[in-house]
């Protein structure tokens, strides 16, 4: 599945996050956090849900979650004050607020998208 929002693309089939067509390396937790928020852009995602999905229910500190949210915001061009894509809903969770275009796997390949070569070492 390919998700587009602005100049950003999240390709879940290739496990790639691209900005302006260039692959950006994200740690796996940040990638999955962004993926979960984007896939659920139509609703609020709680911190407990993020822990269950991204950390498989393991006990994690608030600072760990905050650090991953900060990294995810940085990856999509946000910060703590300017929340144009990942909005915090105090004491409730997070909402992905950018307009998301969903392109199904077969559709984006059939539309003539050229497969980008994988970078060495990844």
PDB file of N, CA and C in Angstrom:
ATOM      1  N   UNK A   1       0.847  -1.163   0.000  1.00  0.00           N
ATOM      2  CA  UNK A   1       0.000   0.000   0.000  1.00  0.00           C
ATOM      3  C   UNK A   1       0.901   1.237   0.000  1.00  0.00           C
ATOM      4  N   UNK A   2       0.489   2.241  -0.723  1.00  0.00           N
ATOM      5  CA  UNK A   2       1.217   3.495  -0.778  1.00  0.00           C
ATOM      6  C   UNK A   2       0.305   4.598  -0.269  1.00  0.00           C
ATOM      7  N   UNK A   3       0.800   5.366   0.680  1.00  0.00           N
ATOM      8  CA  UNK A   3       0.069   6.504   1.221  1.00  0.00           C
ATOM      9  C   UNK A   3       0.840   7.762   0.855  1.00  0.00           C
ATOM     10  N   UNK A   4       0.133   8.761   0.350  1.00  0.00           N
ATOM     11  CA  UNK A   4       0.746  10.044   0.011  1.00  0.00           C
ATOM     12  C   UNK A   4       0.086  11.146   0.819  1.00  0.00           C
ATOM     13  N   UNK A   5       0.911  12.035   1.317  1.00  0.00           N
ATOM     14  CA  UNK A   5       0.410  13.236   1.970  1.00  0.00           C
ATOM     15  C   UNK A   5       1.440  14.327   1.731  1.00  0.00           C
ATOM     16  N   UNK A   6       1.034  15.316   0.939  1.00  0.00           N
ATOM     17  CA  UNK A   6       1.961  16.367   0.542  1.00  0.00           C
ATOM     18  C   UNK A   6       3.121  15.772  -0.231  1.00  0.00           C
ATOM     19  N   UNK A   7       4.324  16.151   0.141  1.00  0.00           N
ATOM     20  CA  UNK A   7       5.529  15.643  -0.531  1.00  0.00           C
ATOM     21  C   UNK A   7       6.007  14.309   0.040  1.00  0.00           C
ATOM     22  N   UNK A   8       5.238  13.741   0.951  1.00  0.00           N
ATOM     23  CA  UNK A   8       5.633  12.524   1.663  1.00  0.00           C
ATOM     24  C   UNK A   8       4.925  11.304   1.087  1.00  0.00           C
ATOM     25  N   UNK A   9       5.634  10.174   1.103  1.00  0.00           N
ATOM     26  CA  UNK A   9       5.066   8.890   0.702  1.00  0.00           C
ATOM     27  C   UNK A   9       5.478   7.835   1.721  1.00  0.00           C
ATOM     28  N   UNK A  10       4.527   7.028   2.095  1.00  0.00           N
ATOM     29  CA  UNK A  10       4.782   5.893   2.981  1.00  0.00           C
ATOM     30  C   UNK A  10       4.400   4.651   2.194  1.00  0.00           C
ATOM     31  N   UNK A  11       5.401   3.868   1.834  1.00  0.00           N
ATOM     32  CA  UNK A  11       5.193   2.664   1.033  1.00  0.00           C
ATOM     33  C   UNK A  11       5.345   1.460   1.956  1.00  0.00           C
ATOM     34  N   UNK A  12       4.220   0.868   2.327  1.00  0.00           N
ATOM     35  CA  UNK A  12       4.261  -0.240   3.281  1.00  0.00           C
ATOM     36  C   UNK A  12       4.745  -1.533   2.637  1.00  0.00           C
ATOM     37  N   UNK A  13       4.600  -1.675   1.325  1.00  0.00           N
ATOM     38  CA  UNK A  13       5.086  -2.873   0.639  1.00  0.00           C
ATOM     39  C   UNK A  13       6.611  -2.905   0.629  1.00  0.00           C
ATOM     40  N   UNK A  14       7.218  -1.765   0.373  1.00  0.00           N
ATOM     41  CA  UNK A  14       8.681  -1.678   0.296  1.00  0.00           C
ATOM     42  C   UNK A  14       9.311  -1.253   1.623  1.00  0.00           C
ATOM     43  N   UNK A  15       8.461  -0.967   2.605  1.00  0.00           N
ATOM     44  CA  UNK A  15       8.921  -0.493   3.911  1.00  0.00           C
ATOM     45  C   UNK A  15       9.824   0.745   3.729  1.00  0.00           C
ATOM     46  N   UNK A  16       9.289   1.719   2.976  1.00  0.00           N
ATOM     47  CA  UNK A  16      10.034   2.949   2.701  1.00  0.00           C
ATOM     48  C   UNK A  16       9.209   4.172   3.039  1.00  0.00           C
ATOM     49  N   UNK A  17       9.912   5.179   3.549  1.00  0.00           N
ATOM     50  CA  UNK A  17       9.339   6.503   3.782  1.00  0.00           C
ATOM     51  C   UNK A  17      10.115   7.452   2.892  1.00  0.00           C
ATOM     52  N   UNK A  18       9.406   8.171   2.009  1.00  0.00           N
ATOM     53  CA  UNK A  18      10.075   9.051   1.060  1.00  0.00           C
ATOM     54  C   UNK A  18       9.605  10.491   1.229  1.00  0.00           C
ATOM     55  N   UNK A  19      10.548  11.393   1.038  1.00  0.00           N
ATOM     56  CA  UNK A  19      10.257  12.822   1.043  1.00  0.00           C
ATOM     57  C   UNK A  19      10.758  13.366  -0.284  1.00  0.00           C
ATOM     58  N   UNK A  20       9.847  13.925  -1.070  1.00  0.00           N
ATOM     59  CA  UNK A  20      10.233  14.420  -2.377  1.00  0.00           C
ATOM     60  C   UNK A  20      10.853  13.349  -3.256  1.00  0.00           C
ATOM     61  N   UNK A  21      10.417  12.102  -3.090  1.00  0.00           N
ATOM     62  CA  UNK A  21      10.928  10.994  -3.883  1.00  0.00           C
ATOM     63  C   UNK A  21      12.195  10.353  -3.343  1.00  0.00           C
ATOM     64  N   UNK A  22      12.804  10.946  -2.330  1.00  0.00           N
ATOM     65  CA  UNK A  22      14.043  10.414  -1.750  1.00  0.00           C
ATOM     66  C   UNK A  22      13.729   9.598  -0.501  1.00  0.00           C
ATOM     67  N   UNK A  23      14.318   8.413  -0.421  1.00  0.00           N
ATOM     68  CA  UNK A  23      14.099   7.543   0.738  1.00  0.00           C
ATOM     69  C   UNK A  23      14.770   8.162   1.959  1.00  0.00           C
ATOM     70  N   UNK A  24      14.011   8.215   3.046  1.00  0.00           N
ATOM     71  CA  UNK A  24      14.539   8.657   4.334  1.00  0.00           C
ATOM     72  C   UNK A  24      14.534   7.467   5.273  1.00  0.00           C
ATOM     73  N   UNK A  25      15.661   7.238   5.893  1.00  0.00           N
ATOM     74  CA  UNK A  25      15.752   6.136   6.843  1.00  0.00           C
ATOM     75  C   UNK A  25      15.116   6.545   8.164  1.00  0.00           C
ATOM     76  N   UNK A  26      14.202   5.723   8.629  1.00  0.00           N
ATOM     77  CA  UNK A  26      13.574   5.902   9.940  1.00  0.00           C
ATOM     78  C   UNK A  26      13.830   4.627  10.716  1.00  0.00           C
ATOM     79  N   UNK A  27      13.961   4.739  12.004  1.00  0.00           N
ATOM     80  CA  UNK A  27      14.034   3.525  12.809  1.00  0.00           C
ATOM     81  C   UNK A  27      12.719   2.776  12.691  1.00  0.00           C
ATOM     82  N   UNK A  28      12.742   1.467  12.954  1.00  0.00           N
ATOM     83  CA  UNK A  28      11.519   0.674  12.787  1.00  0.00           C
ATOM     84  C   UNK A  28      10.356   1.152  13.644  1.00  0.00           C
ATOM     85  N   UNK A  29      10.608   1.572  14.887  1.00  0.00           N
ATOM     86  CA  UNK A  29       9.507   2.026  15.729  1.00  0.00           C
ATOM     87  C   UNK A  29       8.890   3.302  15.186  1.00  0.00           C
ATOM     88  N   UNK A  30       9.710   4.205  14.677  1.00  0.00           N
ATOM     89  CA  UNK A  30       9.190   5.453  14.107  1.00  0.00           C
ATOM     90  C   UNK A  30       8.412   5.151  12.830  1.00  0.00           C
ATOM     91  N   UNK A  31       8.956   4.273  11.989  1.00  0.00           N
ATOM     92  CA  UNK A  31       8.243   3.895  10.765  1.00  0.00           C
ATOM     93  C   UNK A  31       6.871   3.323  11.109  1.00  0.00           C
ATOM     94  N   UNK A  32       6.813   2.360  12.038  1.00  0.00           N
ATOM     95  CA  UNK A  32       5.534   1.737  12.381  1.00  0.00           C
ATOM     96  C   UNK A  32       4.589   2.704  13.080  1.00  0.00           C
ATOM     97  N   UNK A  33       5.123   3.639  13.845  1.00  0.00           N
ATOM     98  CA  UNK A  33       4.279   4.643  14.483  1.00  0.00           C
ATOM     99  C   UNK A  33       3.623   5.521  13.420  1.00  0.00           C
ATOM    100  N   UNK A  34       4.429   6.010  12.470  1.00  0.00           N
ATOM    101  CA  UNK A  34       3.864   6.818  11.384  1.00  0.00           C
ATOM    102  C   UNK A  34       2.862   5.986  10.585  1.00  0.00           C
ATOM    103  N   UNK A  35       3.231   4.756  10.286  1.00  0.00           N
ATOM    104  CA  UNK A  35       2.329   3.881   9.531  1.00  0.00           C
ATOM    105  C   UNK A  35       0.994   3.729  10.239  1.00  0.00           C
ATOM    106  N   UNK A  36       1.033   3.467  11.535  1.00  0.00           N
ATOM    107  CA  UNK A  36      -0.210   3.267  12.278  1.00  0.00           C
ATOM    108  C   UNK A  36      -1.059   4.542  12.285  1.00  0.00           C
ATOM    109  N   UNK A  37      -0.417   5.682  12.484  1.00  0.00           N
ATOM    110  CA  UNK A  37      -1.165   6.942  12.476  1.00  0.00           C
ATOM    111  C   UNK A  37      -1.762   7.225  11.102  1.00  0.00           C
ATOM    112  N   UNK A  38      -0.987   7.005  10.044  1.00  0.00           N
ATOM    113  CA  UNK A  38      -1.471   7.259   8.681  1.00  0.00           C
ATOM    114  C   UNK A  38      -2.600   6.295   8.323  1.00  0.00           C
ATOM    115  N   UNK A  39      -2.422   5.011   8.631  1.00  0.00           N
ATOM    116  CA  UNK A  39      -3.463   4.029   8.317  1.00  0.00           C
ATOM    117  C   UNK A  39      -4.757   4.296   9.073  1.00  0.00           C
ATOM    118  N   UNK A  40      -4.654   5.000  10.200  1.00  0.00           N
ATOM    119  CA  UNK A  40      -5.826   5.306  11.023  1.00  0.00           C
ATOM    120  C   UNK A  40      -6.099   6.809  11.055  1.00  0.00           C
ATOM    121  N   UNK A  41      -5.826   7.472   9.935  1.00  0.00           N
ATOM    122  CA  UNK A  41      -5.952   8.925   9.881  1.00  0.00           C
ATOM    123  C   UNK A  41      -7.375   9.421  10.097  1.00  0.00           C
ATOM    124  N   UNK A  42      -8.331   8.543  10.027  1.00  0.00           N
ATOM    125  CA  UNK A  42      -9.729   8.927  10.195  1.00  0.00           C
ATOM    126  C   UNK A  42     -10.196   8.894  11.648  1.00  0.00           C
ATOM    127  N   UNK A  43      -9.267   8.619  12.575  1.00  0.00           N
ATOM    128  CA  UNK A  43      -9.689   8.530  13.983  1.00  0.00           C
ATOM    129  C   UNK A  43      -8.532   8.859  14.928  1.00  0.00           C
ATOM    130  N   UNK A  44      -8.876   9.034  16.183  1.00  0.00           N
ATOM    131  CA  UNK A  44      -7.905   9.282  17.243  1.00  0.00           C
ATOM    132  C   UNK A  44      -7.226   7.970  17.634  1.00  0.00           C
ATOM    133  N   UNK A  45      -5.912   8.012  17.812  1.00  0.00           N
ATOM    134  CA  UNK A  45      -5.142   6.844  18.239  1.00  0.00           C
ATOM    135  C   UNK A  45      -4.607   7.131  19.643  1.00  0.00           C
ATOM    136  N   UNK A  46      -4.938   6.279  20.594  1.00  0.00           N
ATOM    137  CA  UNK A  46      -4.507   6.502  21.972  1.00  0.00           C
ATOM    138  C   UNK A  46      -3.056   6.052  22.181  1.00  0.00           C
ATOM    139  N   UNK A  47      -2.444   6.563  23.236  1.00  0.00           N
ATOM    140  CA  UNK A  47      -1.094   6.123  23.595  1.00  0.00           C
ATOM    141  C   UNK A  47      -1.095   4.626  23.917  1.00  0.00           C
ATOM    142  N   UNK A  48      -2.138   4.156  24.580  1.00  0.00           N
ATOM    143  CA  UNK A  48      -2.228   2.727  24.903  1.00  0.00           C
ATOM    144  C   UNK A  48      -2.262   1.877  23.632  1.00  0.00           C
ATOM    145  N   UNK A  49      -2.953   2.346  22.620  1.00  0.00           N
ATOM    146  CA  UNK A  49      -3.002   1.623  21.351  1.00  0.00           C
ATOM    147  C   UNK A  49      -1.620   1.595  20.702  1.00  0.00           C
ATOM    148  N   UNK A  50      -0.909   2.711  20.744  1.00  0.00           N
ATOM    149  CA  UNK A  50       0.448   2.747  20.187  1.00  0.00           C
ATOM    150  C   UNK A  50       1.357   1.757  20.902  1.00  0.00           C
ATOM    151  N   UNK A  51       1.231   1.684  22.216  1.00  0.00           N
ATOM    152  CA  UNK A  51       2.035   0.732  22.988  1.00  0.00           C
ATOM    153  C   UNK A  51       1.690  -0.698  22.578  1.00  0.00           C
ATOM    154  N   UNK A  52       0.404  -0.978  22.437  1.00  0.00           N
ATOM    155  CA  UNK A  52      -0.027  -2.331  22.065  1.00  0.00           C
ATOM    156  C   UNK A  52       0.447  -2.707  20.663  1.00  0.00           C
ATOM    157  N   UNK A  53       0.415  -1.768  19.744  1.00  0.00           N
ATOM    158  CA  UNK A  53       0.778  -2.049  18.356  1.00  0.00           C
ATOM    159  C   UNK A  53       2.296  -1.978  18.155  1.00  0.00           C
ATOM    160  N   UNK A  54       2.894  -0.862  18.526  1.00  0.00           N
ATOM    161  CA  UNK A  54       4.300  -0.613  18.213  1.00  0.00           C
ATOM    162  C   UNK A  54       5.278  -1.254  19.186  1.00  0.00           C
ATOM    163  N   UNK A  55       4.845  -1.475  20.407  1.00  0.00           N
ATOM    164  CA  UNK A  55       5.744  -2.080  21.394  1.00  0.00           C
ATOM    165  C   UNK A  55       5.212  -3.422  21.873  1.00  0.00           C
ATOM    166  N   UNK A  56       4.232  -3.959  21.181  1.00  0.00           N
ATOM    167  CA  UNK A  56       3.674  -5.288  21.470  1.00  0.00           C
ATOM    168  C   UNK A  56       3.293  -5.447  22.945  1.00  0.00           C
ATOM    169  N   UNK A  57       2.816  -4.346  23.553  1.00  0.00           N
ATOM    170  CA  UNK A  57       2.358  -4.402  24.929  1.00  0.00           C
ATOM    171  C   UNK A  57       3.448  -4.343  25.982  1.00  0.00           C
ATOM    172  N   UNK A  58       4.726  -4.269  25.545  1.00  0.00           N
ATOM    173  CA  UNK A  58       5.811  -4.166  26.528  1.00  0.00           C
ATOM    174  C   UNK A  58       5.664  -2.852  27.308  1.00  0.00           C
ATOM    175  N   UNK A  59       6.155  -2.864  28.504  1.00  0.00           N
ATOM    176  CA  UNK A  59       6.131  -1.654  29.319  1.00  0.00           C
ATOM    177  C   UNK A  59       7.205  -0.710  28.801  1.00  0.00           C
ATOM    178  N   UNK A  60       6.784   0.488  28.452  1.00  0.00           N
ATOM    179  CA  UNK A  60       7.713   1.509  27.973  1.00  0.00           C
ATOM    180  C   UNK A  60       7.465   2.790  28.746  1.00  0.00           C
ATOM    181  N   UNK A  61       8.494   3.590  28.879  1.00  0.00           N
ATOM    182  CA  UNK A  61       8.371   4.839  29.628  1.00  0.00           C
ATOM    183  C   UNK A  61       7.680   5.906  28.784  1.00  0.00           C
ATOM    184  N   UNK A  62       7.136   6.887  29.469  1.00  0.00           N
ATOM    185  CA  UNK A  62       6.521   8.024  28.790  1.00  0.00           C
ATOM    186  C   UNK A  62       7.549   8.729  27.909  1.00  0.00           C
ATOM    187  N   UNK A  63       8.786   8.809  28.386  1.00  0.00           N
ATOM    188  CA  UNK A  63       9.823   9.495  27.607  1.00  0.00           C
ATOM    189  C   UNK A  63      10.149   8.741  26.315  1.00  0.00           C
ATOM    190  N   UNK A  64      10.041   7.411  26.332  1.00  0.00           N
ATOM    191  CA  UNK A  64      10.262   6.623  25.115  1.00  0.00           C
ATOM    192  C   UNK A  64       9.188   6.940  24.085  1.00  0.00           C
ATOM    193  N   UNK A  65       7.951   6.960  24.506  1.00  0.00           N
ATOM    194  CA  UNK A  65       6.849   7.287  23.600  1.00  0.00           C
ATOM    195  C   UNK A  65       7.014   8.712  23.079  1.00  0.00           C
ATOM    196  N   UNK A  66       7.301   9.637  23.986  1.00  0.00           N
ATOM    197  CA  UNK A  66       7.487  11.037  23.585  1.00  0.00           C
ATOM    198  C   UNK A  66       8.611  11.184  22.570  1.00  0.00           C
ATOM    199  N   UNK A  67       9.703  10.442  22.761  1.00  0.00           N
ATOM    200  CA  UNK A  67      10.836  10.509  21.832  1.00  0.00           C
ATOM    201  C   UNK A  67      10.436  10.002  20.448  1.00  0.00           C
ATOM    202  N   UNK A  68       9.653   8.928  20.379  1.00  0.00           N
ATOM    203  CA  UNK A  68       9.224   8.396  19.077  1.00  0.00           C
ATOM    204  C   UNK A  68       8.234   9.335  18.399  1.00  0.00           C
ATOM    205  N   UNK A  69       7.338   9.929  19.182  1.00  0.00           N
ATOM    206  CA  UNK A  69       6.402  10.911  18.620  1.00  0.00           C
ATOM    207  C   UNK A  69       7.182  12.108  18.083  1.00  0.00           C
ATOM    208  N   UNK A  70       8.170  12.568  18.841  1.00  0.00           N
ATOM    209  CA  UNK A  70       9.015  13.686  18.397  1.00  0.00           C
ATOM    210  C   UNK A  70       9.709  13.338  17.078  1.00  0.00           C
ATOM    211  N   UNK A  71      10.282  12.137  16.983  1.00  0.00           N
ATOM    212  CA  UNK A  71      10.975  11.702  15.764  1.00  0.00           C
ATOM    213  C   UNK A  71       9.993  11.585  14.598  1.00  0.00           C
ATOM    214  N   UNK A  72       8.786  11.081  14.859  1.00  0.00           N
ATOM    215  CA  UNK A  72       7.774  10.964  13.805  1.00  0.00           C
ATOM    216  C   UNK A  72       7.364  12.348  13.317  1.00  0.00           C
ATOM    217  N   UNK A  73       7.183  13.269  14.250  1.00  0.00           N
ATOM    218  CA  UNK A  73       6.832  14.637  13.861  1.00  0.00           C
ATOM    219  C   UNK A  73       7.931  15.263  13.011  1.00  0.00           C
ATOM    220  N   UNK A  74       9.161  15.080  13.429  1.00  0.00           N
ATOM    221  CA  UNK A  74      10.289  15.629  12.673  1.00  0.00           C
ATOM    222  C   UNK A  74      10.312  15.044  11.255  1.00  0.00           C
ATOM    223  N   UNK A  75      10.050  13.744  11.130  1.00  0.00           N
ATOM    224  CA  UNK A  75      10.064  13.084   9.827  1.00  0.00           C
ATOM    225  C   UNK A  75       9.008  13.645   8.879  1.00  0.00           C
ATOM    226  N   UNK A  76       7.855  14.058   9.420  1.00  0.00           N
ATOM    227  CA  UNK A  76       6.771  14.581   8.573  1.00  0.00           C
ATOM    228  C   UNK A  76       6.707  16.101   8.573  1.00  0.00           C
ATOM    229  N   UNK A  77       7.768  16.747   9.071  1.00  0.00           N
ATOM    230  CA  UNK A  77       7.852  18.202   8.999  1.00  0.00           C
ATOM    231  C   UNK A  77       7.105  18.958  10.076  1.00  0.00           C
ATOM    232  N   UNK A  78       6.766  18.295  11.159  1.00  0.00           N
ATOM    233  CA  UNK A  78       6.084  18.931  12.293  1.00  0.00           C
ATOM    234  C   UNK A  78       7.056  19.142  13.437  1.00  0.00           C
ATOM    235  N   UNK A  79       6.580  19.827  14.441  1.00  0.00           N
ATOM    236  CA  UNK A  79       7.266  19.888  15.727  1.00  0.00           C
ATOM    237  C   UNK A  79       6.182  19.983  16.799  1.00  0.00           C
ATOM    238  N   UNK A  80       6.587  20.107  18.037  1.00  0.00           N
ATOM    239  CA  UNK A  80       5.619  20.120  19.136  1.00  0.00           C
ATOM    240  C   UNK A  80       4.646  21.283  19.104  1.00  0.00           C
ATOM    241  N   UNK A  81       5.085  22.415  18.572  1.00  0.00           N
ATOM    242  CA  UNK A  81       4.206  23.589  18.503  1.00  0.00           C
ATOM    243  C   UNK A  81       3.372  23.613  17.232  1.00  0.00           C
ATOM    244  N   UNK A  82       3.995  23.304  16.126  1.00  0.00           N
ATOM    245  CA  UNK A  82       3.311  23.332  14.837  1.00  0.00           C
ATOM    246  C   UNK A  82       2.913  21.905  14.504  1.00  0.00           C
ATOM    247  N   UNK A  83       1.693  21.576  14.795  1.00  0.00           N
ATOM    248  CA  UNK A  83       1.211  20.196  14.623  1.00  0.00           C
ATOM    249  C   UNK A  83       0.282  20.131  13.416  1.00  0.00           C
ATOM    250  N   UNK A  84       0.857  20.275  12.227  1.00  0.00           N
ATOM    251  CA  UNK A  84       0.044  20.286  11.018  1.00  0.00           C
ATOM    252  C   UNK A  84      -0.292  18.887  10.515  1.00  0.00           C
ATOM    253  N   UNK A  85       0.472  17.881  10.942  1.00  0.00           N
ATOM    254  CA  UNK A  85       0.207  16.508  10.495  1.00  0.00           C
ATOM    255  C   UNK A  85      -0.081  15.552  11.647  1.00  0.00           C
ATOM    256  N   UNK A  86       0.669  15.649  12.723  1.00  0.00           N
ATOM    257  CA  UNK A  86       0.428  14.800  13.897  1.00  0.00           C
ATOM    258  C   UNK A  86       0.004  15.706  15.037  1.00  0.00           C
ATOM    259  N   UNK A  87      -1.267  15.652  15.343  1.00  0.00           N
ATOM    260  CA  UNK A  87      -1.833  16.526  16.372  1.00  0.00           C
ATOM    261  C   UNK A  87      -2.010  15.747  17.672  1.00  0.00           C
ATOM    262  N   UNK A  88      -1.574  16.358  18.753  1.00  0.00           N
ATOM    263  CA  UNK A  88      -1.808  15.797  20.077  1.00  0.00           C
ATOM    264  C   UNK A  88      -3.179  16.229  20.568  1.00  0.00           C
ATOM    265  N   UNK A  89      -3.955  15.283  21.037  1.00  0.00           N
ATOM    266  CA  UNK A  89      -5.215  15.581  21.710  1.00  0.00           C
ATOM    267  C   UNK A  89      -4.927  15.295  23.177  1.00  0.00           C
ATOM    268  N   UNK A  90      -4.755  16.356  23.980  1.00  0.00           N
ATOM    269  CA  UNK A  90      -4.302  16.174  25.365  1.00  0.00           C
ATOM    270  C   UNK A  90      -5.088  15.105  26.136  1.00  0.00           C
ATOM    271  N   UNK A  91      -4.331  14.246  26.811  1.00  0.00           N
ATOM    272  CA  UNK A  91      -4.836  13.168  27.654  1.00  0.00           C
ATOM    273  C   UNK A  91      -5.702  12.156  26.903  1.00  0.00           C
ATOM    274  N   UNK A  92      -5.669  12.202  25.560  1.00  0.00           N
ATOM    275  CA  UNK A  92      -6.463  11.266  24.764  1.00  0.00           C
ATOM    276  C   UNK A  92      -5.619  10.481  23.786  1.00  0.00           C
ATOM    277  N   UNK A  93      -4.695  11.162  23.070  1.00  0.00           N
ATOM    278  CA  UNK A  93      -3.891  10.459  22.083  1.00  0.00           C
ATOM    279  C   UNK A  93      -3.442  11.368  20.961  1.00  0.00           C
ATOM    280  N   UNK A  94      -3.402  10.796  19.743  1.00  0.00           N
ATOM    281  CA  UNK A  94      -2.862  11.501  18.579  1.00  0.00           C
ATOM    282  C   UNK A  94      -3.767  11.278  17.386  1.00  0.00           C
ATOM    283  N   UNK A  95      -3.740  12.259  16.516  1.00  0.00           N
ATOM    284  CA  UNK A  95      -4.536  12.167  15.286  1.00  0.00           C
ATOM    285  C   UNK A  95      -3.665  12.624  14.127  1.00  0.00           C
ATOM    286  N   UNK A  96      -3.666  11.856  13.042  1.00  0.00           N
ATOM    287  CA  UNK A  96      -2.950  12.250  11.831  1.00  0.00           C
ATOM    288  C   UNK A  96      -3.911  13.114  11.030  1.00  0.00           C
ATOM    289  N   UNK A  97      -3.566  14.395  10.856  1.00  0.00           N
ATOM    290  CA  UNK A  97      -4.517  15.356  10.305  1.00  0.00           C
ATOM    291  C   UNK A  97      -4.269  15.747   8.854  1.00  0.00           C
ATOM    292  N   UNK A  98      -3.156  15.310   8.264  1.00  0.00           N
ATOM    293  CA  UNK A  98      -2.902  15.642   6.861  1.00  0.00           C
ATOM    294  C   UNK A  98      -3.862  14.866   5.963  1.00  0.00           C
ATOM    295  N   UNK A  99      -4.172  15.432   4.816  1.00  0.00           N
ATOM    296  CA  UNK A  99      -4.995  14.724   3.841  1.00  0.00           C
ATOM    297  C   UNK A  99      -4.166  13.589   3.245  1.00  0.00           C
ATOM    298  N   UNK A 100      -4.694  12.386   3.321  1.00  0.00           N
ATOM    299  CA  UNK A 100      -3.969  11.188   2.887  1.00  0.00           C
ATOM    300  C   UNK A 100      -4.607  10.636   1.616  1.00  0.00           C
ATOM    301  N   UNK A 101      -3.759  10.406   0.620  1.00  0.00           N
ATOM    302  CA  UNK A 101      -4.195   9.732  -0.599  1.00  0.00           C
ATOM    303  C   UNK A 101      -3.710   8.292  -0.500  1.00  0.00           C
ATOM    304  N   UNK A 102      -4.624   7.346  -0.662  1.00  0.00           N
ATOM    305  CA  UNK A 102      -4.298   5.925  -0.569  1.00  0.00           C
ATOM    306  C   UNK A 102      -4.235   5.351  -1.975  1.00  0.00           C
ATOM    307  N   UNK A 103      -3.096   4.743  -2.298  1.00  0.00           N
ATOM    308  CA  UNK A 103      -2.913   4.096  -3.596  1.00  0.00           C
ATOM    309  C   UNK A 103      -2.646   2.627  -3.306  1.00  0.00           C
ATOM    310  N   UNK A 104      -3.500   1.753  -3.782  1.00  0.00           N
ATOM    311  CA  UNK A 104      -3.322   0.322  -3.537  1.00  0.00           C
ATOM    312  C   UNK A 104      -2.095  -0.185  -4.274  1.00  0.00           C
ATOM    313  N   UNK A 105      -1.472  -1.215  -3.760  1.00  0.00           N
ATOM    314  CA  UNK A 105      -0.223  -1.754  -4.289  1.00  0.00           C
ATOM    315  C   UNK A 105      -0.251  -1.950  -5.792  1.00  0.00           C
ATOM    316  N   UNK A 106      -1.231  -2.653  -6.285  1.00  0.00           N
ATOM    317  CA  UNK A 106      -1.299  -2.944  -7.715  1.00  0.00           C
ATOM    318  C   UNK A 106      -1.531  -1.667  -8.519  1.00  0.00           C
ATOM    319  N   UNK A 107      -2.274  -0.715  -7.964  1.00  0.00           N
ATOM    320  CA  UNK A 107      -2.572   0.523  -8.673  1.00  0.00           C
ATOM    321  C   UNK A 107      -1.320   1.352  -8.906  1.00  0.00           C
ATOM    322  N   UNK A 108      -0.447   1.490  -7.879  1.00  0.00           N
ATOM    323  CA  UNK A 108       0.709   2.360  -8.075  1.00  0.00           C
ATOM    324  C   UNK A 108       1.757   1.690  -8.959  1.00  0.00           C
ATOM    325  N   UNK A 109       1.794   0.389  -9.010  1.00  0.00           N
ATOM    326  CA  UNK A 109       2.714  -0.280  -9.938  1.00  0.00           C
ATOM    327  C   UNK A 109       2.168  -0.223 -11.364  1.00  0.00           C
ATOM    328  N   UNK A 110       0.859  -0.413 -11.494  1.00  0.00           N
ATOM    329  CA  UNK A 110       0.239  -0.373 -12.817  1.00  0.00           C
ATOM    330  C   UNK A 110       0.252   1.030 -13.406  1.00  0.00           C
ATOM    331  N   UNK A 111       0.304   2.038 -12.548  1.00  0.00           N
ATOM    332  CA  UNK A 111       0.292   3.424 -13.016  1.00  0.00           C
ATOM    333  C   UNK A 111       1.643   3.854 -13.563  1.00  0.00           C
ATOM    334  N   UNK A 112       2.600   2.931 -13.601  1.00  0.00           N
ATOM    335  CA  UNK A 112       3.884   3.245 -14.214  1.00  0.00           C
ATOM    336  C   UNK A 112       4.940   3.714 -13.254  1.00  0.00           C
ATOM    337  N   UNK A 113       4.724   3.526 -11.974  1.00  0.00           N
ATOM    338  CA  UNK A 113       5.765   3.903 -11.022  1.00  0.00           C
ATOM    339  C   UNK A 113       6.940   2.961 -11.215  1.00  0.00           C
ATOM    340  N   UNK A 114       8.104   3.514 -11.327  1.00  0.00           N
ATOM    341  CA  UNK A 114       9.313   2.725 -11.514  1.00  0.00           C
ATOM    342  C   UNK A 114       9.847   2.332 -10.148  1.00  0.00           C
ATOM    343  N   UNK A 115      10.190   1.073 -10.000  1.00  0.00           N
ATOM    344  CA  UNK A 115      10.752   0.620  -8.737  1.00  0.00           C
ATOM    345  C   UNK A 115      12.114   1.265  -8.548  1.00  0.00           C
ATOM    346  N   UNK A 116      12.320   1.850  -7.385  1.00  0.00           N
ATOM    347  CA  UNK A 116      13.590   2.462  -7.066  1.00  0.00           C
ATOM    348  C   UNK A 116      14.539   1.392  -6.567  1.00  0.00           C
ATOM    349  N   UNK A 117      15.799   1.453  -6.980  1.00  0.00           N
ATOM    350  CA  UNK A 117      16.753   0.452  -6.486  1.00  0.00           C
ATOM    351  C   UNK A 117      16.962   0.599  -4.987  1.00  0.00           C
ATOM    352  N   UNK A 118      17.135  -0.497  -4.312  1.00  0.00           N
ATOM    353  CA  UNK A 118      17.409  -0.463  -2.874  1.00  0.00           C
ATOM    354  C   UNK A 118      18.795   0.059  -2.635  1.00  0.00           C
ATOM    355  N   UNK A 119      18.928   0.831  -1.558  1.00  0.00           N
ATOM    356  CA  UNK A 119      20.236   1.361  -1.203  1.00  0.00           C
ATOM    357  C   UNK A 119      21.047   0.280  -0.522  1.00  0.00           C
ATOM    358  N   UNK A 120      22.339   0.278  -0.770  1.00  0.00           N
ATOM    359  CA  UNK A 120      23.219  -0.718  -0.171  1.00  0.00           C
ATOM    360  C   UNK A 120      23.191  -0.633   1.337  1.00  0.00           C
ATOM    361  N   UNK A 121      23.201  -1.780   1.970  1.00  0.00           N
ATOM    362  CA  UNK A 121      23.260  -1.828   3.420  1.00  0.00           C
ATOM    363  C   UNK A 121      21.917  -1.735   4.103  1.00  0.00           C
ATOM    364  N   UNK A 122      20.810  -1.677   3.351  1.00  0.00           N
ATOM    365  CA  UNK A 122      19.488  -1.551   3.968  1.00  0.00           C
ATOM    366  C   UNK A 122      18.576  -2.647   3.530  1.00  0.00           C
TER     367      UNK A 122
END
